[in-house]
Amino acid sequence: MGQEIDHDDFSAQDFEDFQQRLLDNLDGLKALLSNPDFGVGPSSIGAELELYLVDQNARPLSMNREVISRSGHNQLALELNRFNLEYNLSPVSAAGMPFSQLEDEMAYAIHLVNEQLAHENGVALPIGILPTLKRGDFGLHAMTDESRFFALTKALQKLRGRMFCIRIEGEDPISLRSHDVTLEGANCSMQVHFRVNPSRFADTFNALQYVTPVIVALSANSPFMLGHKLWHETRIPLFRQTIDGRTHEECERALPSRVDFGNGWVREGAYELFAEAVRLYEPILPIVGKEKISELIKKGKMPVLNELRLHTGTIWPWNRAVYDANDGGHLRIEMRALPSGPTPVDMIANTAFALGAAKGLQDRMEEIIPSLPFATLAANFYLAAEKGLQANLMWPDLSQPGGLVKKSVVEIAYELLPTAKQGLQQLGVDETEVEKYLGVISNRLDKRISGAIWQRREYQRQLKGQSEQAALTAMVQRYIQNSAKNIPVSEWD
């Protein structure tokens, strides 16, 4: 969805042409993947950091276009709502010191945006959902004036055929109705991209799926929405319910959602995920290009596969396959479940732990998959998002037969730390990097703290002697001060 779309009225012929082009794209992708040399290369890591723009009163600043215009920086990009923007980090080699490089660039990105907001006394804030948002902050007036966002809203409205209705349980349940998708824009994430060789795609993807519930619990940083205390990672249900276009009957028949954890373990490779996207989900933005895919492949050139990339950009699994024609053509796995914040060092620690654990486990997935039904893994994911570090997951005990055991997510994370260390070493990560970032995770586990838990505790502390809204504001202001120091949340007061 990063490309510009100049119209939002489509005919039946447009959809028919687009569907045929999707099939052509799939054929082209299959031809590329049949070449054993395609996508072979060293692992690399990239990320997209989404940020809130907030003023000194911890309220959203609707200035994303102004910030980009003032800075002129080509790695900044517009987001759905005017009070959010995105910074696209430069990809780095997984070997050496990738995490320090990514952390430094994240800190630079925040500083860059802060410079553009100095006149307004505003700052860029990495946080999953800004707790001080109010209902009036949403609506078409809040949407970034970009035709692709209006086209997406119109397409999803047509798909749903009704208002966007949201119901999220928690200590203080919330029900919302909206005519547009701007409520989804409350979510800010830190999306990680990991380049993998096609021959290892299935094992690596499955390993990342396996550890994602643990990472979500560890990194949870979105406990409030419109003043309501909800899930530890409220982004997960908010995004799903805002985008999910299924009717009640479709849900009853277990038809797949456009926002989901997935439909099963990957059996062979990336192709099946792309084919699943084409076969299971109807197109909503049928923009047809003129690329001559087969001719390009015959000439040894990489097709862009615009239709496939656009279509998969309108489906939002929490981990997904990405095809990219750049750098000789390659495959990536995009992790979309991690929230923004609390600090660059925290976000990079989450990334190091996730990629290290997945790398360390990929050779064991043949043993793990029969021990954990995919439906149980998906249930773990949502439970981890709801309960955070307090979650108990159903987890396989690989030391002996006998099925699944209920185990605390903290215990599971402790057990995965040596595996993550081994995986990072296999990637060629410098030992000082390994110790630093896994040390951040270990300290977080020792203190049973996450961004979500810190927010909840600080809110309760601020609530003594002042109103709920004043307590939320004071809490966010403390969060801003601590986040600016770039020290791990486990070391915050």
Protein backbone atom coordinates (compact mmCIF):
# COMPACT_ATOMS: atom_id res chain seq x y z
CA MET A 1 0.00 0.00 0.00
CA GLY A 2 2.98 2.33 -0.26
CA GLN A 3 2.28 3.21 -3.89
CA GLU A 4 0.10 6.12 -4.92
CA ILE A 5 -3.35 5.37 -6.36
CA ASP A 6 -4.95 8.06 -8.48
CA HIS A 7 -8.54 6.78 -8.59
CA ASP A 8 -10.94 4.67 -6.55
CA ASP A 9 -13.76 3.84 -9.00
CA PHE A 10 -13.37 0.42 -10.59
CA SER A 11 -15.44 -1.54 -13.06
CA ALA A 12 -16.20 -5.27 -13.15
CA GLN A 13 -13.74 -5.49 -16.04
CA ASP A 14 -11.02 -3.93 -13.87
CA PHE A 15 -11.45 -6.70 -11.31
CA GLU A 16 -11.50 -9.40 -13.97
CA ASP A 17 -8.33 -8.05 -15.58
CA PHE A 18 -6.63 -7.73 -12.20
CA GLN A 19 -7.46 -11.31 -11.22
CA GLN A 20 -5.95 -12.58 -14.46
CA ARG A 21 -2.86 -10.48 -13.86
CA LEU A 22 -2.56 -11.98 -10.37
CA LEU A 23 -2.48 -15.45 -11.92
CA ASP A 24 0.17 -14.25 -14.37
CA ASN A 25 2.16 -12.85 -11.43
CA LEU A 26 1.95 -16.20 -9.65
CA ASP A 27 3.23 -17.98 -12.74
CA GLY A 28 6.11 -15.53 -12.94
CA LEU A 29 6.95 -16.02 -9.26
CA LYS A 30 6.90 -19.80 -9.65
CA ALA A 31 9.31 -19.50 -12.58
CA LEU A 32 11.67 -17.35 -10.52
CA LEU A 33 11.57 -19.71 -7.55
CA SER A 34 12.36 -22.69 -9.80
CA ASN A 35 15.79 -21.16 -10.39
CA PRO A 36 18.04 -22.48 -7.58
CA ASP A 37 20.13 -19.29 -7.73
CA PHE A 38 17.17 -16.93 -7.18
CA GLY A 39 17.35 -14.92 -3.97
CA VAL A 40 20.50 -16.60 -2.69
CA GLY A 41 22.57 -14.23 -0.60
CA PRO A 42 23.57 -13.18 2.89
CA SER A 43 20.85 -12.47 5.46
CA SER A 44 19.95 -8.84 6.01
CA ILE A 45 17.66 -6.90 8.31
CA GLY A 46 15.52 -3.83 7.69
CA ALA A 47 12.68 -2.11 9.52
CA GLU A 48 9.89 0.41 9.26
CA LEU A 49 9.43 2.56 12.36
CA GLU A 50 6.04 4.19 12.87
CA LEU A 51 5.85 7.21 15.16
CA TYR A 52 3.27 9.44 16.80
CA LEU A 53 3.60 13.21 16.59
CA VAL A 54 2.61 14.73 19.95
CA ASP A 55 2.63 18.17 21.55
CA GLN A 56 3.79 19.18 25.03
CA ASN A 57 0.35 18.28 26.43
CA ALA A 58 0.75 14.71 25.15
CA ARG A 59 -1.93 15.30 22.51
CA PRO A 60 -1.59 14.29 18.85
CA LEU A 61 -0.13 16.78 16.38
CA SER A 62 -1.58 16.45 12.88
CA MET A 63 1.55 17.50 11.03
CA ASN A 64 2.97 14.48 9.20
CA ARG A 65 3.02 16.16 5.79
CA GLU A 66 4.59 19.30 7.24
CA VAL A 67 7.35 17.29 8.92
CA ILE A 68 8.24 15.51 5.68
CA SER A 69 8.14 18.76 3.72
CA ARG A 70 10.36 20.56 6.22
CA SER A 71 12.93 17.77 6.43
CA GLY A 72 12.99 16.78 2.75
CA HIS A 73 14.13 13.34 3.92
CA ASN A 74 13.27 10.55 1.50
CA GLN A 75 13.12 7.86 4.19
CA LEU A 76 10.15 9.50 5.88
CA ALA A 77 6.72 8.43 4.63
CA LEU A 78 3.12 9.39 5.28
CA GLU A 79 0.87 7.18 7.38
CA LEU A 80 -2.92 6.78 7.43
CA ASN A 81 -3.61 9.45 10.05
CA ARG A 82 -2.10 12.91 10.03
CA PHE A 83 -0.55 12.47 13.49
CA ASN A 84 1.56 9.46 12.44
CA LEU A 85 4.48 8.98 10.09
CA GLU A 86 6.96 6.28 9.18
CA TYR A 87 10.70 6.15 8.84
CA ASN A 88 12.14 3.42 6.58
CA LEU A 89 15.46 2.25 7.99
CA SER A 90 18.36 1.31 5.72
CA PRO A 91 18.81 -2.48 5.39
CA VAL A 92 21.94 -3.85 7.07
CA SER A 93 23.80 -7.15 6.90
CA ALA A 94 22.79 -9.56 9.65
CA ALA A 95 26.45 -10.34 10.31
CA GLY A 96 28.63 -8.03 12.37
CA MET A 97 26.90 -5.26 14.31
CA PRO A 98 23.48 -4.88 12.64
CA PHE A 99 21.52 -4.07 15.77
CA SER A 100 23.69 -1.16 16.86
CA GLN A 101 23.38 0.27 13.35
CA LEU A 102 19.60 -0.05 13.43
CA GLU A 103 19.36 1.43 16.93
CA ASP A 104 21.52 4.40 15.93
CA GLU A 105 19.39 5.05 12.85
CA MET A 106 16.18 4.83 14.89
CA ALA A 107 17.56 7.40 17.34
CA TYR A 108 18.53 9.59 14.38
CA ALA A 109 15.02 9.29 12.87
CA ILE A 110 13.40 10.44 16.13
CA HIS A 111 15.88 13.31 16.42
CA LEU A 112 15.20 14.30 12.80
CA VAL A 113 11.45 14.53 13.38
CA ASN A 114 11.95 16.36 16.68
CA GLU A 115 13.95 19.03 14.86
CA GLN A 116 11.03 19.63 12.47
CA LEU A 117 8.61 19.97 15.41
CA ALA A 118 10.78 22.25 17.56
CA HIS A 119 8.70 25.34 16.73
CA GLU A 120 5.52 23.56 17.95
CA ASN A 121 7.29 22.08 21.03
CA GLY A 122 6.34 18.70 19.63
CA VAL A 123 8.15 15.37 19.59
CA ALA A 124 8.17 12.07 17.75
CA LEU A 125 7.00 9.34 20.11
CA PRO A 126 7.47 5.59 19.62
CA ILE A 127 4.44 4.00 21.29
CA GLY A 128 1.92 1.35 20.21
CA ILE A 129 -1.24 3.42 20.88
CA LEU A 130 -1.19 6.94 22.30
CA PRO A 131 -3.23 6.72 25.56
CA THR A 132 -4.39 10.35 25.39
CA LEU A 133 -6.29 9.96 22.11
CA LYS A 134 -9.94 11.06 22.12
CA ARG A 135 -12.84 10.04 19.93
CA GLY A 136 -12.75 13.36 18.10
CA ASP A 137 -9.20 12.62 16.92
CA PHE A 138 -10.62 10.16 14.37
CA GLY A 139 -12.68 10.56 11.22
CA LEU A 140 -12.02 11.63 7.65
CA HIS A 141 -10.69 14.98 8.90
CA ALA A 142 -7.86 13.06 10.60
CA MET A 143 -6.91 11.03 7.52
CA THR A 144 -3.82 12.03 5.61
CA ASP A 145 -4.87 13.70 2.36
CA GLU A 146 -3.51 10.97 0.11
CA SER A 147 -5.67 9.28 -2.50
CA ARG A 148 -4.42 5.77 -1.63
CA PHE A 149 -5.83 6.09 1.90
CA PHE A 150 -9.22 7.26 0.65
CA ALA A 151 -9.21 4.46 -1.94
CA LEU A 152 -8.50 1.92 0.79
CA THR A 153 -11.29 3.27 2.99
CA LYS A 154 -13.76 3.14 0.13
CA ALA A 155 -12.71 -0.39 -0.83
CA LEU A 156 -13.03 -1.70 2.72
CA GLN A 157 -16.40 0.01 3.16
CA LYS A 158 -17.62 -1.74 0.02
CA LEU A 159 -16.25 -5.05 1.28
CA ARG A 160 -17.97 -4.74 4.65
CA GLY A 161 -21.19 -3.19 3.46
CA ARG A 162 -21.69 -1.68 6.90
CA MET A 163 -20.06 0.49 9.55
CA PHE A 164 -16.78 -0.49 11.14
CA CYS A 165 -17.77 -1.91 14.54
CA ILE A 166 -15.22 -2.62 17.25
CA ARG A 167 -15.64 -4.41 20.56
CA ILE A 168 -12.55 -5.07 22.68
CA GLU A 169 -12.74 -6.75 26.05
CA GLY A 170 -10.49 -5.89 28.98
CA GLU A 171 -10.65 -4.37 32.44
CA ASP A 172 -12.65 -1.54 30.88
CA PRO A 173 -14.27 -2.89 27.64
CA ILE A 174 -14.78 -0.55 24.70
CA SER A 175 -17.31 -0.46 21.85
CA LEU A 176 -16.80 1.81 18.85
CA ARG A 177 -18.47 2.45 15.51
CA SER A 178 -16.99 4.31 12.57
CA HIS A 179 -17.65 5.03 8.91
CA ASP A 180 -13.92 4.94 8.02
CA VAL A 181 -10.68 3.15 8.89
CA THR A 182 -8.98 5.95 10.82
CA LEU A 183 -9.38 4.05 14.10
CA GLU A 184 -6.84 1.62 12.66
CA GLY A 185 -4.46 4.55 12.40
CA ALA A 186 -4.22 4.56 16.20
CA ASN A 187 -1.78 1.66 15.79
CA CYS A 188 1.96 2.28 15.54
CA SER A 189 4.27 -0.65 14.90
CA MET A 190 7.91 -1.45 14.28
CA GLN A 191 7.89 -3.79 11.30
CA VAL A 192 10.98 -5.96 10.86
CA HIS A 193 12.13 -7.31 7.49
CA PHE A 194 14.43 -10.33 7.40
CA ARG A 195 15.91 -11.52 4.12
CA VAL A 196 16.07 -15.31 3.81
CA ASN A 197 17.19 -17.72 1.12
CA PRO A 198 14.20 -19.37 -0.61
CA SER A 199 15.46 -22.88 0.25
CA ARG A 200 15.15 -22.10 3.99
CA PHE A 201 12.03 -19.97 3.78
CA ALA A 202 9.54 -22.50 5.20
CA ASP A 203 11.63 -23.43 8.24
CA THR A 204 12.51 -19.80 8.99
CA PHE A 205 8.95 -18.57 8.56
CA ASN A 206 7.52 -21.34 10.73
CA ALA A 207 10.15 -20.67 13.40
CA LEU A 208 9.21 -16.98 13.47
CA GLN A 209 5.55 -17.90 13.75
CA TYR A 210 6.42 -20.24 16.63
CA VAL A 211 8.19 -17.56 18.69
CA THR A 212 5.90 -14.63 17.78
CA PRO A 213 3.51 -15.10 20.75
CA VAL A 214 6.48 -14.92 23.13
CA ILE A 215 7.84 -11.79 21.42
CA VAL A 216 4.43 -10.10 21.51
CA ALA A 217 4.12 -10.70 25.26
CA LEU A 218 7.65 -9.38 25.88
CA SER A 219 7.24 -6.29 23.71
CA ALA A 220 3.62 -5.34 24.59
CA ASN A 221 3.26 -1.55 24.65
CA SER A 222 -0.38 -0.71 23.88
CA PRO A 223 -2.54 -1.13 27.01
CA PHE A 224 -4.87 1.87 26.48
CA MET A 225 -7.29 3.00 23.79
CA LEU A 226 -9.34 6.19 24.25
CA GLY A 227 -8.69 6.01 27.98
CA HIS A 228 -9.89 2.41 28.31
CA LYS A 229 -7.56 -0.15 29.91
CA LEU A 230 -7.67 -3.08 27.49
CA TRP A 231 -5.20 -5.73 26.26
CA HIS A 232 -1.48 -5.44 26.95
CA GLU A 233 -1.11 -5.23 23.15
CA THR A 234 -4.42 -3.65 22.10
CA ARG A 235 -3.09 -3.05 18.58
CA ILE A 236 -3.80 -6.70 17.78
CA PRO A 237 -7.61 -6.72 18.26
CA LEU A 238 -7.98 -3.10 17.14
CA PHE A 239 -6.29 -3.70 13.80
CA ARG A 240 -8.12 -6.94 13.18
CA GLN A 241 -11.58 -5.61 13.97
CA THR A 242 -11.06 -2.38 12.02
CA ILE A 243 -10.00 -4.17 8.85
CA ASP A 244 -11.81 -7.53 9.03
CA GLY A 245 -14.53 -7.39 6.36
CA ARG A 246 -16.20 -10.75 7.06
CA THR A 247 -19.92 -11.08 7.70
CA HIS A 248 -21.23 -13.06 10.67
CA GLU A 249 -21.96 -16.00 8.37
CA GLU A 250 -18.44 -15.90 6.94
CA CYS A 251 -17.02 -15.96 10.47
CA GLU A 252 -19.26 -18.92 11.36
CA ARG A 253 -17.97 -20.78 8.31
CA ALA A 254 -14.36 -20.02 9.39
CA LEU A 255 -13.55 -18.12 6.20
CA PRO A 256 -10.18 -16.38 6.59
CA SER A 257 -9.85 -12.80 7.77
CA ARG A 258 -7.70 -10.26 5.93
CA VAL A 259 -5.98 -9.70 9.30
CA ASP A 260 -4.94 -13.01 10.78
CA PHE A 261 -2.11 -15.00 12.32
CA GLY A 262 -2.20 -17.35 9.35
CA ASN A 263 -4.00 -20.40 8.02
CA GLY A 264 -1.49 -23.11 8.91
CA TRP A 265 2.15 -24.11 9.01
CA VAL A 266 4.05 -23.50 5.76
CA ARG A 267 4.76 -26.87 4.17
CA GLU A 268 7.21 -26.18 1.36
CA GLY A 269 8.04 -22.53 0.78
CA ALA A 270 7.04 -18.95 0.08
CA TYR A 271 5.03 -19.71 -3.05
CA GLU A 272 2.17 -21.25 -1.11
CA LEU A 273 1.73 -18.05 0.95
CA PHE A 274 1.50 -15.92 -2.20
CA ALA A 275 -0.85 -18.44 -3.83
CA GLU A 276 -2.99 -18.48 -0.69
CA ALA A 277 -3.25 -14.68 -0.80
CA VAL A 278 -4.45 -14.82 -4.41
CA ARG A 279 -6.80 -17.79 -4.03
CA LEU A 280 -8.43 -16.93 -0.69
CA TYR A 281 -8.84 -13.14 -0.73
CA GLU A 282 -10.78 -11.11 -3.24
CA PRO A 283 -9.02 -8.05 -4.68
CA ILE A 284 -10.14 -4.67 -3.41
CA LEU A 285 -7.85 -2.32 -5.38
CA PRO A 286 -7.58 -3.65 -8.98
CA ILE A 287 -4.81 -1.44 -10.37
CA VAL A 288 -3.58 -3.19 -13.53
CA GLY A 289 -0.10 -2.64 -14.92
CA LYS A 290 1.49 -3.49 -18.25
CA GLU A 291 4.60 -5.34 -17.18
CA LYS A 292 5.56 -8.18 -19.55
CA ILE A 293 6.51 -10.66 -16.87
CA SER A 294 7.47 -13.71 -18.90
CA GLU A 295 9.55 -11.67 -21.34
CA LEU A 296 11.51 -10.07 -18.51
CA ILE A 297 12.23 -13.45 -16.92
CA LYS A 298 13.42 -14.89 -20.24
CA LYS A 299 15.86 -11.99 -20.51
CA GLY A 300 17.18 -12.70 -17.01
CA LYS A 301 15.59 -9.58 -15.54
CA MET A 302 13.50 -9.31 -12.39
CA PRO A 303 9.81 -8.43 -12.81
CA VAL A 304 8.31 -6.12 -10.20
CA LEU A 305 5.04 -8.14 -9.98
CA ASN A 306 3.10 -4.98 -9.17
CA GLU A 307 -0.31 -6.62 -8.98
CA LEU A 308 0.84 -9.31 -6.57
CA ARG A 309 2.65 -6.79 -4.36
CA LEU A 310 -0.38 -4.48 -4.30
CA HIS A 311 -2.77 -7.32 -3.55
CA THR A 312 -0.66 -8.74 -0.71
CA GLY A 313 -0.45 -5.17 0.60
CA THR A 314 -4.22 -5.31 1.20
CA ILE A 315 -3.95 -8.47 3.31
CA TRP A 316 -2.38 -8.15 6.74
CA PRO A 317 -1.12 -11.38 8.33
CA TRP A 318 1.04 -10.71 11.39
CA ASN A 319 3.98 -12.36 9.63
CA ARG A 320 4.04 -12.33 5.85
CA ALA A 321 6.14 -13.18 2.82
CA VAL A 322 7.52 -10.32 0.73
CA TYR A 323 8.88 -10.55 -2.83
CA ASP A 324 11.24 -7.77 -3.89
CA ALA A 325 12.77 -7.31 -7.36
CA ASN A 326 15.63 -5.21 -5.95
CA ASP A 327 19.13 -6.50 -5.25
CA GLY A 328 18.82 -9.21 -7.89
CA GLY A 329 15.43 -10.32 -6.59
CA HIS A 330 14.88 -11.84 -3.15
CA LEU A 331 12.40 -12.95 -0.48
CA ARG A 332 11.86 -11.44 2.94
CA ILE A 333 9.77 -12.21 5.98
CA GLU A 334 8.01 -9.18 7.41
CA MET A 335 7.17 -9.26 11.12
CA ARG A 336 4.22 -6.95 11.75
CA ALA A 337 3.19 -7.79 15.31
CA LEU A 338 5.79 -5.73 17.19
CA PRO A 339 4.64 -2.37 18.59
CA SER A 340 6.51 0.87 18.32
CA GLY A 341 8.48 1.82 21.44
CA PRO A 342 9.19 2.30 24.22
CA THR A 343 12.73 3.12 23.01
CA PRO A 344 15.05 2.26 20.11
CA VAL A 345 17.10 -0.02 22.37
CA ASP A 346 13.96 -1.90 23.44
CA MET A 347 12.72 -2.32 19.87
CA ILE A 348 16.08 -3.58 18.66
CA ALA A 349 16.31 -5.99 21.59
CA ASN A 350 12.91 -7.39 20.58
CA THR A 351 14.21 -7.80 17.03
CA ALA A 352 17.44 -9.50 18.10
CA PHE A 353 15.60 -11.94 20.35
CA ALA A 354 13.01 -12.79 17.66
CA LEU A 355 15.49 -13.32 14.83
CA GLY A 356 17.97 -15.15 17.02
CA ALA A 357 15.34 -17.51 18.41
CA ALA A 358 13.93 -18.20 14.94
CA LYS A 359 17.38 -18.86 13.47
CA GLY A 360 18.25 -21.13 16.37
CA LEU A 361 15.03 -23.12 15.98
CA GLN A 362 14.73 -23.40 12.20
CA ASP A 363 16.51 -26.78 12.05
CA ARG A 364 14.14 -28.17 14.71
CA MET A 365 10.85 -27.19 13.10
CA GLU A 366 10.31 -30.68 11.67
CA GLU A 367 10.21 -31.88 15.28
CA ILE A 368 8.22 -28.94 16.66
CA ILE A 369 5.40 -28.74 14.10
CA PRO A 370 3.83 -32.15 14.90
CA SER A 371 3.96 -31.19 18.58
CA LEU A 372 1.97 -27.95 18.29
CA PRO A 373 -1.31 -27.68 16.33
CA PHE A 374 -1.43 -24.42 14.40
CA ALA A 375 -4.78 -23.51 15.98
CA THR A 376 -3.09 -23.73 19.39
CA LEU A 377 -0.24 -21.52 18.20
CA ALA A 378 -2.75 -18.92 16.95
CA ALA A 379 -4.58 -19.05 20.31
CA ASN A 380 -1.22 -18.49 22.03
CA PHE A 381 -0.69 -15.39 19.91
CA TYR A 382 -3.96 -13.74 20.92
CA LEU A 383 -3.57 -14.76 24.56
CA ALA A 384 -0.07 -13.26 24.63
CA ALA A 385 -1.42 -10.02 23.17
CA GLU A 386 -4.18 -9.91 25.77
CA LYS A 387 -2.24 -10.88 28.90
CA GLY A 388 1.33 -9.87 28.05
CA LEU A 389 3.94 -11.18 30.47
CA GLN A 390 1.12 -12.56 32.62
CA ALA A 391 0.07 -15.02 29.89
CA ASN A 392 0.22 -18.80 30.24
CA LEU A 393 0.60 -20.54 26.88
CA MET A 394 0.09 -24.10 25.71
CA TRP A 395 3.60 -25.18 24.78
CA PRO A 396 5.17 -28.44 23.57
CA ASP A 397 7.53 -30.28 25.89
CA LEU A 398 10.04 -31.67 23.41
CA SER A 399 11.97 -33.57 26.07
CA GLN A 400 9.30 -36.24 26.25
CA PRO A 401 6.10 -37.38 24.53
CA GLY A 402 2.80 -36.49 26.09
CA GLY A 403 1.35 -33.46 24.39
CA LEU A 404 1.18 -29.82 25.40
CA VAL A 405 1.77 -28.25 28.81
CA LYS A 406 0.59 -24.93 30.19
CA LYS A 407 3.64 -22.78 30.77
CA SER A 408 4.14 -19.12 31.65
CA VAL A 409 5.39 -16.98 28.80
CA VAL A 410 8.18 -15.72 31.08
CA GLU A 411 9.43 -19.28 31.61
CA ILE A 412 9.29 -19.96 27.87
CA ALA A 413 11.24 -16.78 27.13
CA TYR A 414 13.94 -17.71 29.64
CA GLU A 415 14.25 -21.12 27.97
CA LEU A 416 14.55 -19.49 24.52
CA LEU A 417 17.38 -17.13 25.50
CA PRO A 418 20.20 -19.69 24.90
CA THR A 419 18.57 -20.63 21.58
CA ALA A 420 18.42 -16.96 20.58
CA LYS A 421 22.09 -16.55 21.48
CA GLN A 422 23.02 -19.56 19.37
CA GLY A 423 20.93 -18.27 16.45
CA LEU A 424 22.55 -14.84 16.52
CA GLN A 425 25.96 -16.46 16.58
CA GLN A 426 24.97 -18.53 13.54
CA LEU A 427 24.04 -15.29 11.76
CA GLY A 428 27.51 -13.98 12.49
CA VAL A 429 26.42 -11.26 14.92
CA ASP A 430 29.23 -9.76 16.97
CA GLU A 431 29.37 -11.16 20.52
CA THR A 432 29.07 -7.71 22.11
CA GLU A 433 25.80 -7.22 20.22
CA VAL A 434 24.49 -10.57 21.37
CA GLU A 435 25.25 -9.88 25.02
CA LYS A 436 23.90 -6.33 24.95
CA TYR A 437 20.51 -6.91 23.37
CA LEU A 438 19.73 -10.30 24.89
CA GLY A 439 20.76 -8.72 28.20
CA VAL A 440 17.98 -6.15 27.72
CA ILE A 441 15.47 -8.99 27.28
CA SER A 442 16.85 -10.92 30.27
CA ASN A 443 16.59 -7.85 32.51
CA ARG A 444 13.03 -7.25 31.33
CA LEU A 445 12.14 -10.82 32.27
CA ASP A 446 13.89 -10.58 35.64
CA LYS A 447 11.83 -7.51 36.55
CA ARG A 448 8.61 -8.78 34.87
CA ILE A 449 8.26 -5.44 33.08
CA SER A 450 7.15 -4.37 29.61
CA GLY A 451 6.06 -1.08 28.12
CA ALA A 452 2.44 -2.03 28.76
CA ILE A 453 3.05 -2.94 32.40
CA TRP A 454 5.01 0.29 32.97
CA GLN A 455 2.17 2.35 31.48
CA ARG A 456 -0.43 0.64 33.66
CA ARG A 457 1.60 1.06 36.84
CA GLU A 458 2.48 4.68 36.16
CA TYR A 459 -1.16 5.46 35.33
CA GLN A 460 -2.29 3.99 38.66
CA ARG A 461 0.36 6.05 40.46
CA GLN A 462 -0.71 9.25 38.70
CA LEU A 463 -4.38 8.50 39.34
CA LYS A 464 -4.00 9.31 43.03
CA GLY A 465 -5.34 12.82 43.51
CA GLN A 466 -6.29 13.68 39.91
CA SER A 467 -8.77 12.80 37.18
CA GLU A 468 -8.38 9.87 34.81
CA GLN A 469 -7.59 12.14 31.86
CA ALA A 470 -5.04 14.11 33.88
CA ALA A 471 -3.44 10.85 35.01
CA LEU A 472 -3.19 9.62 31.42
CA THR A 473 -1.60 12.90 30.36
CA ALA A 474 0.90 12.84 33.22
CA MET A 475 1.75 9.22 32.47
CA VAL A 476 2.43 9.94 28.79
CA GLN A 477 4.55 12.96 29.71
CA ARG A 478 6.67 10.72 31.97
CA TYR A 479 6.85 8.18 29.14
CA ILE A 480 8.08 10.89 26.75
CA GLN A 481 10.83 11.90 29.18
CA ASN A 482 12.03 8.33 29.70
CA SER A 483 11.78 7.36 26.04
CA ALA A 484 13.93 10.32 25.04
CA LYS A 485 16.80 8.94 27.16
CA ASN A 486 16.81 5.70 25.13
CA ILE A 487 17.31 3.51 28.17
CA PRO A 488 15.49 0.14 28.36
CA VAL A 489 12.02 0.26 29.89
CA SER A 490 13.23 -2.18 32.55
CA GLU A 491 15.43 0.64 33.88
CA TRP A 492 12.73 3.32 33.99
CA ASP A 493 11.68 4.66 37.39
